[in-house]
Structure formats: structure tokens, C-alpha cells
N, C-alpha and C. Protein backbone atom coordinates (compact mmCIF):
# COMPACT_ATOMS: atom_id res chain seq x y z
N UNK A 1 166.24 109.39 85.28
CA UNK A 1 164.97 109.60 84.66
C UNK A 1 164.83 111.08 84.28
N UNK A 2 164.39 111.33 83.05
CA UNK A 2 164.23 112.71 82.60
C UNK A 2 162.86 113.24 82.98
N UNK A 3 162.85 114.49 83.33
CA UNK A 3 161.57 115.14 83.63
C UNK A 3 160.92 115.57 82.33
N UNK A 4 159.65 115.34 82.25
CA UNK A 4 158.92 115.79 81.08
C UNK A 4 158.38 117.19 81.37
N UNK A 5 158.66 118.08 80.46
CA UNK A 5 158.22 119.46 80.62
C UNK A 5 156.95 119.64 79.81
N UNK A 6 155.90 120.06 80.49
CA UNK A 6 154.64 120.31 79.80
C UNK A 6 154.64 121.73 79.26
N UNK A 7 154.43 121.82 77.96
CA UNK A 7 154.32 123.14 77.34
C UNK A 7 152.84 123.48 77.22
N UNK A 8 152.51 124.66 77.65
CA UNK A 8 151.13 125.10 77.51
C UNK A 8 150.98 125.70 76.13
N UNK A 9 150.04 125.18 75.38
CA UNK A 9 149.82 125.64 74.01
C UNK A 9 148.50 126.38 73.92
N UNK A 10 148.32 127.10 72.85
CA UNK A 10 147.11 127.89 72.64
C UNK A 10 146.20 127.26 71.58
N UNK A 11 146.30 125.97 71.39
CA UNK A 11 145.62 125.32 70.28
C UNK A 11 144.10 125.49 70.33
N UNK A 12 143.48 125.18 71.43
CA UNK A 12 142.02 125.24 71.52
C UNK A 12 141.50 126.66 71.33
N UNK A 13 142.17 127.63 71.91
CA UNK A 13 141.73 129.01 71.77
C UNK A 13 141.82 129.53 70.35
N UNK A 14 142.93 129.23 69.69
CA UNK A 14 143.13 129.71 68.31
C UNK A 14 142.15 129.02 67.36
N UNK A 15 142.00 127.72 67.50
CA UNK A 15 141.05 127.00 66.64
C UNK A 15 139.62 127.45 66.93
N UNK A 16 139.33 127.74 68.19
CA UNK A 16 138.00 128.24 68.55
C UNK A 16 137.68 129.57 67.90
N UNK A 17 138.67 130.44 67.79
CA UNK A 17 138.46 131.74 67.12
C UNK A 17 138.20 131.52 65.64
N UNK A 18 138.94 130.62 65.01
CA UNK A 18 138.78 130.36 63.58
C UNK A 18 137.44 129.68 63.28
N UNK A 19 137.06 128.72 64.09
CA UNK A 19 135.85 127.96 63.85
C UNK A 19 134.60 128.74 64.26
N UNK A 20 134.75 129.65 65.19
CA UNK A 20 133.62 130.41 65.72
C UNK A 20 132.84 131.20 64.69
N UNK A 21 133.46 131.53 63.58
CA UNK A 21 132.78 132.28 62.51
C UNK A 21 131.68 131.44 61.87
N UNK A 22 131.97 130.16 61.64
CA UNK A 22 131.07 129.32 60.85
C UNK A 22 130.23 128.37 61.70
N UNK A 23 130.81 127.88 62.79
CA UNK A 23 130.10 126.96 63.68
C UNK A 23 130.25 127.49 65.11
N UNK A 24 129.39 128.42 65.49
CA UNK A 24 129.55 129.08 66.78
C UNK A 24 129.54 128.15 67.99
N UNK A 25 128.78 127.07 67.94
CA UNK A 25 128.74 126.17 69.10
C UNK A 25 130.09 125.48 69.29
N UNK A 26 130.76 125.17 68.19
CA UNK A 26 132.10 124.55 68.29
C UNK A 26 133.11 125.56 68.82
N UNK A 27 133.02 126.80 68.36
CA UNK A 27 133.92 127.85 68.86
C UNK A 27 133.71 128.12 70.34
N UNK A 28 132.45 128.10 70.76
CA UNK A 28 132.13 128.30 72.17
C UNK A 28 132.69 127.16 73.01
N UNK A 29 132.53 125.94 72.53
CA UNK A 29 133.04 124.77 73.25
C UNK A 29 134.55 124.82 73.36
N UNK A 30 135.23 125.14 72.27
CA UNK A 30 136.69 125.21 72.30
C UNK A 30 137.19 126.34 73.19
N UNK A 31 136.46 127.45 73.22
CA UNK A 31 136.83 128.55 74.12
C UNK A 31 136.72 128.16 75.58
N UNK A 32 135.66 127.43 75.91
CA UNK A 32 135.50 126.96 77.29
C UNK A 32 136.58 125.95 77.65
N UNK A 33 136.90 125.07 76.72
CA UNK A 33 137.97 124.10 76.96
C UNK A 33 139.30 124.81 77.17
N UNK A 34 139.56 125.86 76.37
CA UNK A 34 140.81 126.61 76.51
C UNK A 34 140.91 127.26 77.89
N UNK A 35 139.80 127.77 78.40
CA UNK A 35 139.81 128.37 79.74
C UNK A 35 139.96 127.31 80.82
N UNK A 36 139.32 126.16 80.63
CA UNK A 36 139.39 125.10 81.64
C UNK A 36 140.79 124.49 81.71
N UNK A 37 141.48 124.43 80.57
CA UNK A 37 142.83 123.86 80.54
C UNK A 37 143.88 124.86 80.99
N UNK A 38 143.47 126.10 81.20
CA UNK A 38 144.38 127.17 81.61
C UNK A 38 145.58 127.25 80.67
N UNK A 39 145.25 127.49 79.40
CA UNK A 39 146.30 127.57 78.39
C UNK A 39 147.18 128.79 78.62
N UNK A 40 148.25 128.85 77.85
CA UNK A 40 149.27 129.89 78.04
C UNK A 40 148.68 131.30 77.98
N UNK A 41 147.89 131.57 76.97
CA UNK A 41 147.25 132.88 76.84
C UNK A 41 145.74 132.68 76.91
N UNK A 42 145.15 133.00 78.04
CA UNK A 42 143.72 132.81 78.23
C UNK A 42 142.90 133.77 77.37
N UNK A 43 143.53 134.79 76.83
CA UNK A 43 142.81 135.75 76.01
C UNK A 43 142.20 135.09 74.78
N UNK A 44 142.88 134.09 74.23
CA UNK A 44 142.34 133.39 73.05
C UNK A 44 141.03 132.70 73.41
N UNK A 45 140.95 132.10 74.56
CA UNK A 45 139.72 131.44 74.99
C UNK A 45 138.59 132.43 75.19
N UNK A 46 138.90 133.57 75.80
CA UNK A 46 137.89 134.61 76.04
C UNK A 46 137.40 135.19 74.72
N UNK A 47 138.32 135.47 73.80
CA UNK A 47 137.95 136.00 72.48
C UNK A 47 137.10 134.98 71.73
N UNK A 48 137.45 133.72 71.84
CA UNK A 48 136.69 132.67 71.17
C UNK A 48 135.25 132.61 71.69
N UNK A 49 135.08 132.73 72.99
CA UNK A 49 133.74 132.69 73.57
C UNK A 49 132.93 133.90 73.14
N UNK A 50 133.52 135.09 73.23
CA UNK A 50 132.80 136.32 72.85
C UNK A 50 132.44 136.30 71.38
N UNK A 51 133.39 135.92 70.54
CA UNK A 51 133.14 135.88 69.10
C UNK A 51 132.06 134.85 68.75
N UNK A 52 132.09 133.70 69.39
CA UNK A 52 131.11 132.65 69.11
C UNK A 52 129.70 133.09 69.49
N UNK A 53 129.58 133.72 70.65
CA UNK A 53 128.26 134.21 71.07
C UNK A 53 127.76 135.28 70.11
N UNK A 54 128.65 136.18 69.69
CA UNK A 54 128.26 137.23 68.75
C UNK A 54 127.78 136.64 67.43
N UNK A 55 128.57 135.71 66.87
CA UNK A 55 128.17 135.13 65.59
C UNK A 55 126.98 134.20 65.72
N UNK A 56 126.78 133.62 66.90
CA UNK A 56 125.58 132.83 67.13
C UNK A 56 124.35 133.73 67.03
N UNK A 57 124.43 134.91 67.63
CA UNK A 57 123.32 135.86 67.55
C UNK A 57 123.11 136.35 66.12
N UNK A 58 124.21 136.59 65.40
CA UNK A 58 124.11 137.05 64.01
C UNK A 58 123.45 135.97 63.15
N UNK A 59 123.91 134.72 63.28
CA UNK A 59 123.32 133.62 62.50
C UNK A 59 121.85 133.44 62.84
N UNK A 60 121.49 133.58 64.12
CA UNK A 60 120.08 133.45 64.49
C UNK A 60 119.25 134.57 63.88
N UNK A 61 119.79 135.78 63.88
CA UNK A 61 119.06 136.91 63.29
C UNK A 61 118.89 136.73 61.78
N UNK A 62 119.90 136.20 61.13
CA UNK A 62 119.83 135.99 59.67
C UNK A 62 118.80 134.92 59.33
N UNK A 63 118.82 133.82 60.06
CA UNK A 63 117.93 132.73 59.73
C UNK A 63 116.50 132.91 60.24
N UNK A 64 116.30 133.73 61.26
CA UNK A 64 114.96 133.93 61.76
C UNK A 64 114.20 135.04 61.02
N UNK A 65 114.93 135.86 60.30
CA UNK A 65 114.28 136.98 59.59
C UNK A 65 113.98 136.59 58.17
């Protein structure tokens, strides 16, 4: 029987950074998922969360003013 090797990928973190510009709640969710899954580079998840919160505040300021 062959052992299956699990590769840790950065998919959620990278997509979270890209999506966080336009849909901050999706970027925030993907960043949290990336941290919960303990992906290869946790920095992508952290950047996704920070960027999403920042753009969430920017979008709120734009639409409320």
C-alpha cells in the first residue's frame, strides 16, 4: 500500500488576498480558513485578514460619506 503524502498548499491565503480588495468579507473568511488549516505559509492568511479588514473600513468610509 502506498502512503499518500499531503501537500500543504497556499490556495486559501492567496485567493483571500486577491478577493479581499473587492469583497472584504470573502477575503476575511478565506484568511481565517487558511490559518485554521495551517497552510504552508501562514503569512498569506494573516495578510489576507489584515488587508480585508483595511478594505472593509475603506469601503465603509466611501459608502457612508
